[in-house]
Amino acid sequence: MARVYYLNCPKCDFRYYVGEPLIAIPDFPSQCPKCHHVFQLAESPTWKLPASASGTMATDLRGKPS
């Protein structure tokens, strides 16, 4: 079973989830299903790097080494 991660849209604060396969893609933007705002994961107020992330994945998602 795939893990899901909750995000809050930085524009409208709508809370929704994305699947693990999507967060593994470097610089993959997310789109709010409510207001359709497109943003990077790091812009979400609730985004936290998964504890299971490898060093490479952490560097790709956050733009800096973990």
Protein backbone atom coordinates (compact mmCIF):
# COMPACT_ATOMS: atom_id res chain seq x y z
CA MET A 1 0.00 0.00 0.00
CA ALA A 2 1.37 3.41 -0.97
CA ARG A 3 1.88 6.09 1.65
CA VAL A 4 0.11 9.42 1.37
CA TYR A 5 1.27 12.82 2.58
CA TYR A 6 -0.96 15.72 3.53
CA LEU A 7 -0.38 19.19 2.13
CA ASN A 8 -2.05 22.54 2.71
CA CYS A 9 -2.37 24.91 -0.21
CA PRO A 10 -0.38 28.10 0.56
CA LYS A 11 -3.05 30.18 -1.23
CA CYS A 12 -6.40 28.89 0.12
CA ASP A 13 -5.21 26.60 2.98
CA PHE A 14 -7.19 23.62 1.62
CA ARG A 15 -5.83 20.34 3.01
CA TYR A 16 -5.38 17.41 0.64
CA TYR A 17 -3.07 14.46 0.14
CA VAL A 18 -0.59 13.31 -2.49
CA GLY A 19 0.78 9.83 -3.00
CA GLU A 20 4.36 8.82 -2.36
CA PRO A 21 5.17 8.23 -6.06
CA LEU A 22 4.51 11.92 -6.81
CA ILE A 23 6.70 13.31 -4.05
CA ALA A 24 9.60 11.15 -5.22
CA ILE A 25 9.86 13.12 -8.49
CA PRO A 26 12.35 16.00 -8.07
CA ASP A 27 10.78 19.46 -8.50
CA PHE A 28 7.37 17.98 -9.26
CA PRO A 29 4.79 20.69 -8.53
CA SER A 30 1.51 20.06 -6.75
CA GLN A 31 -1.83 21.57 -7.75
CA CYS A 32 -4.53 22.38 -5.22
CA PRO A 33 -7.74 20.53 -6.15
CA LYS A 34 -9.85 23.41 -4.78
CA CYS A 35 -8.33 26.67 -6.13
CA HIS A 36 -5.97 25.09 -8.75
CA HIS A 37 -2.93 26.98 -7.44
CA VAL A 38 0.29 25.29 -8.62
CA PHE A 39 3.18 25.28 -6.13
CA GLN A 40 6.27 23.37 -5.04
CA LEU A 41 5.93 21.00 -2.08
CA ALA A 42 8.23 23.11 0.08
CA GLU A 43 5.76 26.02 -0.18
CA SER A 44 3.07 24.09 1.70
CA PRO A 45 2.81 25.17 5.35
CA THR A 46 2.39 21.53 6.43
CA TRP A 47 5.01 19.90 4.20
CA LYS A 48 7.62 17.91 6.06
CA LEU A 49 10.18 15.69 4.42
CA PRO A 50 9.26 12.04 5.06
CA ALA A 51 11.44 10.36 7.68
CA SER A 52 12.01 7.48 5.27
CA ALA A 53 13.50 9.78 2.60
CA SER A 54 17.01 9.04 1.50
CA GLY A 55 19.70 11.71 1.38
CA THR A 56 19.37 12.00 -2.39
CA MET A 57 15.61 12.38 -2.24
CA ALA A 58 15.93 14.93 0.56
CA THR A 59 18.32 17.00 -1.52
CA ASP A 60 16.00 16.86 -4.53
CA LEU A 61 12.83 17.81 -2.65
CA ARG A 62 14.15 20.53 -0.40
CA GLY A 63 16.95 21.91 -2.55
CA LYS A 64 19.54 21.36 0.16
CA PRO A 65 21.14 18.38 1.91
CA SER A 66 19.18 16.83 4.77
